[in-house]
Amino acid sequence: MQFARLNDIDVSGKTVLIREDLNVPLKDGKIANDARLKASLPTIQLALDKGAAVIVCSHLGRPAPSNPVAKYSLQPVADYLGDALGKPVKLVTDYVQNNVTVAPGEVVLLENVRFNAGEKKNDAALSERYAALCDVFVMDAFGTAHRAEASTEGVIAKAKTACAGPLLAAELDALAKALDNPAKPMLAIVGGSKVSTKLDVLKSLAKICDQIIVGGGIANTFLAAKGANVGASLYEADMVETAKSIMQETHVLLPDEVVVAKKSQIDFDDFLGSLESADAVTKSVDTIADDEMILDISPSSAAKLADAIKNAKTILWNGPVGVFEVDKFGEGTKIVSEAVAASAGFSIAGGGDTLDAIDKYKVADKVSYTSAGGGAFLEVVEGKTLPAVHALSQRA
């Protein structure tokens, strides 16, 4: 898909409005994780280096426009950006009613766009207001590109010039490399609790992948489809026929050995805490008892899957293969993570749990591309066109 890019546009002396995803967790008014802020800095710096006057906007949390409470203010983000850029970044609150004054070389941050009535409804008048603030609109927030909102899609059609920022472009380029014309063999790793929530992902990947490794509760449904007794494990009986049809379309790799715990040892109100004290037992998938829950794949099964991963030329990874937050049920995900890292193929990973696993097993620098957009990442993998990306392609 073709779209204009900030790198190719002359913005010298112009006012640029950049939509970033600065939706970071706050604790006691302090930024708890600055990954998204760090990721946005190169785009802001690029616009400054190209001689632009820079306005940045984003949402934070899910405030009600009728009650814009202080805990959703972007002031801590403005302070962070000021420190990181080495220049003051003023937070502007009255931009819907008044013009924003910013000179080339300066940066201002607009207050939370979700404080504005009409933002989530993609209101045309609000979209026009955003467009009026700038000469060039830059969509750089991949994590919100799947939402048709005023600051993500509506403004693109209204702005004098609209383009993709480097962060958004890099996400789309990496996904295109994995999905549009992947080097073969292609392998996907799809974890998660339910087939139903990843059904469109699995159906889409089955068309292009030579092999799919399934993990977590999803794997239990596929094991049941092959006739295994999954005991008390989480699985979806109404998805067994769907799993069978996916296995007819591509080669689904399943473990022959798993790690289980007795359901009686698990407190579902304190799931992870109770697993710390539960007994982890390795068993063949043919010998699961009715009172046992599958919580990981065994190291020996993971090692077999690792061989397939290392031989793949393209790897798409979404989801862990076990309850990796607890080490005794995390060995499978650890081995899979290290196999992705060791592969010479192109690898792309996305989804919150996947990123947590990448951090835990310290393989971030060995994954070719790590996607920051959870929902947007999945929608692209499902074959959907993101509203913001479609709007940009219409302006190309």
Protein backbone atom coordinates (compact mmCIF):
# COMPACT_ATOMS: atom_id res chain seq x y z
CA MET A 1 0.00 0.00 0.00
CA GLN A 2 1.37 3.39 -1.01
CA PHE A 3 1.41 6.40 1.31
CA ALA A 4 3.44 9.58 1.72
CA ARG A 5 6.22 9.54 4.33
CA LEU A 6 7.57 12.34 6.52
CA ASN A 7 11.12 11.58 5.36
CA ASP A 8 10.16 12.62 1.82
CA ILE A 9 8.27 15.83 2.62
CA ASP A 10 9.70 19.35 2.97
CA VAL A 11 8.43 20.71 6.29
CA SER A 12 10.92 23.54 6.74
CA GLY A 13 9.18 26.56 8.25
CA LYS A 14 5.88 24.66 8.41
CA THR A 15 3.76 23.64 11.36
CA VAL A 16 3.59 19.88 11.74
CA LEU A 17 1.00 18.06 13.88
CA ILE A 18 2.23 14.58 14.86
CA ARG A 19 -0.21 12.01 16.23
CA GLU A 20 1.79 9.73 18.50
CA ASP A 21 0.77 6.94 20.84
CA LEU A 22 1.89 8.35 24.19
CA ASN A 23 -0.61 6.29 26.18
CA VAL A 24 1.79 5.29 28.95
CA PRO A 25 1.04 3.82 32.38
CA LEU A 26 1.20 6.33 35.22
CA LYS A 27 1.65 5.57 38.90
CA ASP A 28 1.23 8.38 41.43
CA GLY A 29 1.55 10.88 38.60
CA LYS A 30 4.87 9.40 37.44
CA ILE A 31 5.52 7.53 34.18
CA ALA A 32 5.83 3.81 34.99
CA ASN A 33 7.01 2.65 31.55
CA ASP A 34 8.49 5.05 28.99
CA ALA A 35 8.86 2.65 26.03
CA ARG A 36 6.25 4.43 23.88
CA LEU A 37 7.73 7.83 24.69
CA LYS A 38 11.22 6.69 23.71
CA ALA A 39 9.82 5.28 20.47
CA SER A 40 8.22 8.62 19.56
CA LEU A 41 11.34 10.74 20.06
CA PRO A 42 13.06 10.02 16.69
CA THR A 43 9.98 11.20 14.76
CA ILE A 44 9.70 14.41 16.79
CA GLN A 45 13.44 15.01 16.41
CA LEU A 46 13.25 14.36 12.65
CA ALA A 47 10.57 17.03 12.26
CA LEU A 48 12.69 19.47 14.28
CA ASP A 49 15.80 18.66 12.24
CA LYS A 50 13.82 19.33 9.06
CA GLY A 51 13.01 22.84 10.33
CA ALA A 52 9.40 22.37 11.43
CA ALA A 53 7.36 23.88 14.22
CA VAL A 54 6.10 20.78 16.01
CA ILE A 55 2.77 20.08 17.68
CA VAL A 56 2.35 16.61 19.21
CA CYS A 57 -0.95 15.01 20.19
CA SER A 58 -2.04 11.75 21.78
CA HIS A 59 -4.64 10.13 24.00
CA LEU A 60 -4.03 8.82 27.51
CA GLY A 61 -6.35 6.27 29.07
CA ARG A 62 -10.10 6.33 28.61
CA PRO A 63 -11.43 9.53 30.17
CA ALA A 64 -15.01 10.68 29.70
CA PRO A 65 -15.01 13.94 27.69
CA SER A 66 -17.67 15.28 30.06
CA ASN A 67 -15.32 14.74 33.03
CA PRO A 68 -11.66 15.32 32.05
CA VAL A 69 -10.06 14.36 35.36
CA ALA A 70 -6.48 15.36 36.18
CA LYS A 71 -5.14 11.78 36.30
CA TYR A 72 -5.57 11.59 32.52
CA SER A 73 -3.63 14.80 31.85
CA LEU A 74 -0.59 14.57 29.57
CA GLN A 75 1.41 16.99 31.77
CA PRO A 76 3.81 14.24 32.97
CA VAL A 77 4.38 13.34 29.30
CA ALA A 78 5.09 16.98 28.42
CA ASP A 79 7.65 17.10 31.23
CA TYR A 80 9.28 13.88 30.01
CA LEU A 81 9.47 15.08 26.40
CA GLY A 82 10.98 18.37 27.52
CA ASP A 83 13.74 16.56 29.42
CA ALA A 84 14.37 14.12 26.56
CA LEU A 85 14.48 16.80 23.84
CA GLY A 86 16.42 19.29 25.93
CA LYS A 87 13.87 22.07 25.45
CA PRO A 88 10.64 23.12 27.16
CA VAL A 89 7.50 21.37 25.90
CA LYS A 90 4.40 23.34 26.85
CA LEU A 91 1.09 21.55 27.39
CA VAL A 92 -1.67 23.36 25.44
CA THR A 93 -5.21 22.90 26.74
CA ASP A 94 -7.40 25.34 24.76
CA TYR A 95 -6.50 24.26 21.23
CA VAL A 96 -10.04 23.40 20.14
CA GLN A 97 -11.15 27.02 20.64
CA ASN A 98 -7.92 28.90 19.91
CA ASN A 99 -4.96 28.77 17.56
CA VAL A 100 -1.71 27.23 18.79
CA THR A 101 1.40 29.38 18.58
CA VAL A 102 4.60 27.46 17.93
CA ALA A 103 7.76 28.54 16.09
CA PRO A 104 10.16 26.42 14.02
CA GLY A 105 12.42 24.49 16.39
CA GLU A 106 9.81 24.50 19.16
CA VAL A 107 7.59 21.65 20.41
CA VAL A 108 4.23 21.84 22.15
CA LEU A 109 2.00 18.99 23.31
CA LEU A 110 -1.78 19.13 23.07
CA GLU A 111 -3.75 17.98 26.09
CA ASN A 112 -5.34 14.53 25.91
CA VAL A 113 -7.39 14.34 22.68
CA ARG A 114 -9.95 12.16 24.46
CA PHE A 115 -10.90 15.16 26.58
CA ASN A 116 -12.57 16.43 23.39
CA ALA A 117 -16.21 15.54 22.74
CA GLY A 118 -16.30 13.94 19.31
CA GLU A 119 -12.79 12.44 19.34
CA LYS A 120 -13.85 8.81 19.62
CA LYS A 121 -16.84 9.41 17.35
CA ASN A 122 -14.55 10.68 14.57
CA ASP A 123 -16.42 13.99 14.52
CA ALA A 124 -15.92 15.91 11.25
CA ALA A 125 -15.81 19.35 12.90
CA LEU A 126 -13.17 18.23 15.39
CA SER A 127 -11.16 16.62 12.58
CA GLU A 128 -11.25 19.94 10.70
CA ARG A 129 -10.09 21.74 13.85
CA TYR A 130 -7.05 19.46 14.15
CA ALA A 131 -6.29 19.99 10.46
CA ALA A 132 -6.52 23.78 10.87
CA LEU A 133 -3.71 23.68 13.45
CA CYS A 134 -1.10 22.52 10.95
CA ASP A 135 0.35 22.60 7.45
CA VAL A 136 1.28 18.90 7.60
CA PHE A 137 -0.37 16.13 9.61
CA VAL A 138 1.85 13.15 10.49
CA MET A 139 0.19 9.90 11.59
CA ASP A 140 2.80 8.01 13.59
CA ALA A 141 0.64 6.08 16.09
CA PHE A 142 0.48 2.51 14.84
CA GLY A 143 -1.05 1.40 18.14
CA THR A 144 -4.20 3.45 17.42
CA ALA A 145 -4.23 3.17 13.62
CA HIS A 146 -7.00 0.55 13.83
CA ARG A 147 -9.35 3.08 15.46
CA ALA A 148 -11.34 5.46 13.26
CA GLU A 149 -11.16 8.55 15.48
CA ALA A 150 -10.82 12.25 14.78
CA SER A 151 -7.09 12.45 15.58
CA THR A 152 -6.21 9.16 13.87
CA GLU A 153 -8.36 9.00 10.72
CA GLY A 154 -10.70 11.99 10.38
CA VAL A 155 -7.94 14.61 10.32
CA ILE A 156 -6.08 12.83 7.51
CA ALA A 157 -8.75 13.66 4.93
CA LYS A 158 -8.99 17.28 6.15
CA ALA A 159 -5.31 18.22 6.46
CA LYS A 160 -3.53 20.23 3.73
CA THR A 161 -0.89 17.48 3.59
CA ALA A 162 -0.93 14.12 5.40
CA CYS A 163 1.77 11.49 5.68
CA ALA A 164 3.04 8.58 7.77
CA GLY A 165 5.73 9.08 10.37
CA PRO A 166 8.78 6.78 10.55
CA LEU A 167 7.35 4.70 13.42
CA LEU A 168 4.10 3.90 11.60
CA ALA A 169 5.94 3.33 8.31
CA ALA A 170 8.40 0.93 9.95
CA GLU A 171 5.55 -1.13 11.44
CA LEU A 172 3.78 -1.36 8.09
CA ASP A 173 7.00 -2.19 6.23
CA ALA A 174 7.85 -5.00 8.68
CA LEU A 175 4.36 -6.47 8.50
CA ALA A 176 4.38 -6.28 4.71
CA LYS A 177 7.70 -8.13 4.63
CA ALA A 178 6.22 -10.89 6.81
CA LEU A 179 2.77 -11.14 5.22
CA ASP A 180 2.79 -9.90 1.63
CA ASN A 181 5.68 -11.85 0.15
CA PRO A 182 7.35 -13.81 2.95
CA ALA A 183 10.57 -15.74 2.49
CA LYS A 184 9.77 -19.44 2.78
CA PRO A 185 9.38 -21.51 4.80
CA MET A 186 7.18 -19.27 6.94
CA LEU A 187 6.28 -20.23 10.49
CA ALA A 188 3.91 -18.54 12.93
CA ILE A 189 3.73 -18.94 16.70
CA VAL A 190 0.25 -18.19 18.01
CA GLY A 191 -0.42 -18.36 21.73
CA GLY A 192 -3.30 -17.23 23.89
CA SER A 193 -6.16 -18.59 25.90
CA LYS A 194 -8.85 -19.03 23.24
CA VAL A 195 -9.09 -20.04 19.59
CA SER A 196 -12.17 -17.82 19.27
CA THR A 197 -10.21 -14.63 20.01
CA LYS A 198 -7.46 -15.55 17.53
CA LEU A 199 -9.69 -17.26 14.95
CA ASP A 200 -9.26 -14.65 12.21
CA VAL A 201 -5.51 -14.58 12.88
CA LEU A 202 -5.25 -18.36 12.57
CA LYS A 203 -7.39 -18.50 9.41
CA SER A 204 -5.34 -15.76 7.76
CA LEU A 205 -1.99 -17.31 8.73
CA ALA A 206 -3.10 -20.78 7.61
CA LYS A 207 -3.25 -19.42 4.05
CA ILE A 208 0.37 -18.20 4.02
CA CYS A 209 2.27 -20.23 6.62
CA ASP A 210 3.99 -23.53 6.02
CA GLN A 211 3.78 -24.28 9.74
CA ILE A 212 1.96 -22.86 12.78
CA ILE A 213 2.96 -23.53 16.37
CA VAL A 214 -0.01 -23.06 18.72
CA GLY A 215 0.41 -22.54 22.45
CA GLY A 216 -1.53 -21.84 25.62
CA GLY A 217 -5.23 -22.60 25.77
CA ILE A 218 -5.32 -22.51 21.96
CA ALA A 219 -3.05 -25.57 21.83
CA ASN A 220 -5.40 -27.45 24.19
CA THR A 221 -8.27 -27.03 21.73
CA PHE A 222 -6.07 -28.36 18.91
CA LEU A 223 -4.96 -31.29 21.06
CA ALA A 224 -8.62 -32.07 21.76
CA ALA A 225 -9.25 -31.91 18.01
CA LYS A 226 -6.63 -34.64 17.59
CA GLY A 227 -8.43 -36.81 20.13
CA ALA A 228 -6.33 -36.12 23.22
CA ASN A 229 -7.92 -35.88 26.66
CA VAL A 230 -6.97 -32.40 27.91
CA GLY A 231 -8.33 -33.05 31.40
CA ALA A 232 -9.37 -29.92 33.28
CA SER A 233 -7.41 -27.65 30.89
CA LEU A 234 -8.86 -24.51 29.41
CA TYR A 235 -10.16 -25.36 25.94
CA GLU A 236 -13.14 -24.60 23.69
CA ALA A 237 -15.23 -27.62 22.76
CA ASP A 238 -17.21 -25.57 20.23
CA MET A 239 -13.97 -24.72 18.38
CA VAL A 240 -12.74 -28.29 17.88
CA GLU A 241 -14.18 -28.59 14.35
CA THR A 242 -12.66 -25.22 13.45
CA ALA A 243 -9.29 -26.44 14.72
CA LYS A 244 -9.61 -29.54 12.55
CA SER A 245 -10.27 -27.42 9.45
CA ILE A 246 -7.22 -25.23 10.16
CA MET A 247 -5.08 -28.38 10.54
CA GLN A 248 -6.24 -29.48 7.09
CA GLU A 249 -5.09 -26.18 5.59
CA THR A 250 -1.59 -25.97 7.07
CA HIS A 251 0.82 -27.98 9.21
CA VAL A 252 0.00 -27.24 12.87
CA LEU A 253 2.84 -28.25 15.20
CA LEU A 254 1.68 -29.53 18.59
CA PRO A 255 3.61 -30.74 21.64
CA ASP A 256 3.73 -34.45 22.43
CA GLU A 257 4.65 -33.70 26.03
CA VAL A 258 3.30 -31.00 28.37
CA VAL A 259 3.65 -29.64 31.91
CA VAL A 260 0.56 -29.96 34.08
CA ALA A 261 -0.69 -29.18 37.59
CA LYS A 262 -3.66 -30.53 39.49
CA LYS A 263 -6.70 -28.24 39.31
CA SER A 264 -7.20 -28.68 43.06
CA GLN A 265 -3.87 -26.88 43.66
CA ILE A 266 -4.93 -23.81 41.68
CA ASP A 267 -6.75 -20.82 43.15
CA PHE A 268 -8.30 -18.94 40.23
CA ASP A 269 -8.66 -15.79 42.34
CA ASP A 270 -4.88 -15.86 42.80
CA PHE A 271 -3.92 -17.76 39.67
CA LEU A 272 -0.22 -16.90 39.38
CA GLY A 273 0.32 -16.92 43.13
CA SER A 274 -1.15 -20.40 43.50
CA LEU A 275 0.91 -21.72 40.58
CA GLU A 276 4.08 -20.78 42.46
CA SER A 277 3.27 -23.48 45.01
CA ALA A 278 1.58 -25.98 42.65
CA ASP A 279 3.45 -29.13 41.62
CA ALA A 280 4.60 -29.02 37.99
CA VAL A 281 4.54 -32.48 36.39
CA THR A 282 5.72 -33.38 32.88
CA LYS A 283 3.43 -35.84 31.06
CA SER A 284 2.74 -37.21 27.61
CA VAL A 285 -0.34 -35.64 26.00
CA ASP A 286 -1.82 -39.15 25.92
CA THR A 287 -1.79 -39.50 29.71
CA ILE A 288 -3.48 -36.34 31.02
CA ALA A 289 -5.77 -37.09 33.97
CA ASP A 290 -9.21 -35.54 34.28
CA ASP A 291 -8.14 -33.32 37.20
CA GLU A 292 -5.00 -31.95 35.52
CA MET A 293 -4.50 -28.66 33.69
CA ILE A 294 -1.97 -28.15 30.90
CA LEU A 295 0.07 -25.01 31.68
CA ASP A 296 3.14 -25.31 29.44
CA ILE A 297 4.86 -27.47 26.86
CA SER A 298 7.75 -29.61 28.09
CA PRO A 299 11.39 -28.71 27.39
CA SER A 300 11.78 -31.74 25.09
CA SER A 301 8.70 -30.80 23.04
CA ALA A 302 9.83 -27.16 22.97
CA ALA A 303 13.24 -28.28 21.68
CA LYS A 304 11.57 -30.08 18.75
CA LEU A 305 9.54 -26.95 17.95
CA ALA A 306 12.73 -24.89 18.26
CA ASP A 307 14.26 -26.84 15.37
CA ALA A 308 11.35 -25.82 13.12
CA ILE A 309 11.68 -22.20 14.25
CA LYS A 310 15.40 -22.10 13.50
CA ASN A 311 14.81 -23.48 10.00
CA ALA A 312 12.14 -20.89 9.11
CA LYS A 313 13.00 -17.95 6.85
CA THR A 314 10.07 -15.85 8.13
CA ILE A 315 8.70 -16.01 11.70
CA LEU A 316 5.63 -14.23 13.03
CA TRP A 317 5.24 -14.51 16.79
CA ASN A 318 2.11 -13.61 18.73
CA GLY A 319 1.67 -15.09 22.17
CA PRO A 320 3.52 -17.28 24.70
CA VAL A 321 3.12 -21.06 24.77
CA GLY A 322 2.64 -21.38 28.54
CA VAL A 323 2.10 -19.48 31.78
CA PHE A 324 5.60 -18.00 31.51
CA GLU A 325 5.06 -15.53 34.37
CA VAL A 326 5.73 -18.52 36.67
CA ASP A 327 9.16 -20.01 35.92
CA LYS A 328 8.19 -23.66 36.38
CA PHE A 329 5.57 -23.17 33.64
CA GLY A 330 7.73 -20.89 31.50
CA GLU A 331 10.42 -23.18 30.14
CA GLY A 332 8.51 -23.78 26.90
CA THR A 333 8.19 -20.06 26.17
CA LYS A 334 11.85 -19.54 27.12
CA ILE A 335 13.04 -22.17 24.64
CA VAL A 336 10.73 -20.82 21.90
CA SER A 337 11.97 -17.26 22.58
CA GLU A 338 15.59 -18.32 22.33
CA ALA A 339 14.87 -20.21 19.10
CA VAL A 340 13.35 -17.10 17.53
CA ALA A 341 16.43 -15.18 18.65
CA ALA A 342 18.76 -17.81 17.18
CA SER A 343 17.00 -17.98 13.82
CA ALA A 344 18.70 -16.37 10.83
CA GLY A 345 15.28 -15.66 9.32
CA PHE A 346 13.25 -12.45 9.50
CA SER A 347 11.21 -12.37 12.71
CA ILE A 348 8.41 -10.05 13.78
CA ALA A 349 6.74 -10.20 17.18
CA GLY A 350 3.70 -8.40 18.55
CA GLY A 351 1.16 -8.45 21.35
CA GLY A 352 1.50 -7.44 25.00
CA ASP A 353 2.24 -10.89 26.44
CA THR A 354 4.76 -11.54 23.67
CA LEU A 355 6.62 -8.33 24.47
CA ASP A 356 6.67 -9.28 28.17
CA ALA A 357 8.19 -12.66 27.26
CA ILE A 358 10.77 -10.97 25.03
CA ASP A 359 11.75 -8.71 27.94
CA LYS A 360 11.86 -11.57 30.46
CA TYR A 361 14.12 -13.74 28.32
CA LYS A 362 16.22 -10.80 27.07
CA VAL A 363 15.94 -11.52 23.35
CA ALA A 364 14.71 -8.08 22.19
CA ASP A 365 17.88 -7.26 20.25
CA LYS A 366 17.69 -10.57 18.37
CA VAL A 367 14.09 -10.25 17.12
CA SER A 368 14.15 -8.50 13.73
CA TYR A 369 11.15 -6.29 14.48
CA THR A 370 9.05 -5.89 17.61
CA SER A 371 5.64 -4.32 17.04
CA ALA A 372 4.33 -1.82 19.56
CA GLY A 373 0.70 -2.11 18.47
CA GLY A 374 -1.31 -4.96 20.00
CA GLY A 375 -4.77 -4.62 18.46
CA ALA A 376 -3.48 -2.95 15.30
CA PHE A 377 -0.86 -5.68 14.84
CA LEU A 378 -3.51 -8.41 15.06
CA GLU A 379 -5.85 -6.63 12.65
CA VAL A 380 -3.12 -6.39 10.00
CA VAL A 381 -2.30 -10.08 10.50
CA GLU A 382 -6.02 -10.84 10.09
CA GLY A 383 -5.83 -9.19 6.67
CA LYS A 384 -7.73 -6.03 7.58
CA THR A 385 -6.84 -2.56 6.35
CA LEU A 386 -6.43 -0.14 9.24
CA PRO A 387 -8.64 2.98 8.96
CA ALA A 388 -5.74 5.42 9.36
CA VAL A 389 -3.62 3.56 6.82
CA HIS A 390 -6.48 3.47 4.31
CA ALA A 391 -6.98 7.22 4.77
CA LEU A 392 -3.25 7.83 4.16
CA SER A 393 -3.34 5.70 1.01
CA GLN A 394 -6.23 7.85 -0.28
CA ARG A 395 -4.00 10.93 0.06
CA ALA A 396 -0.92 9.39 -1.57
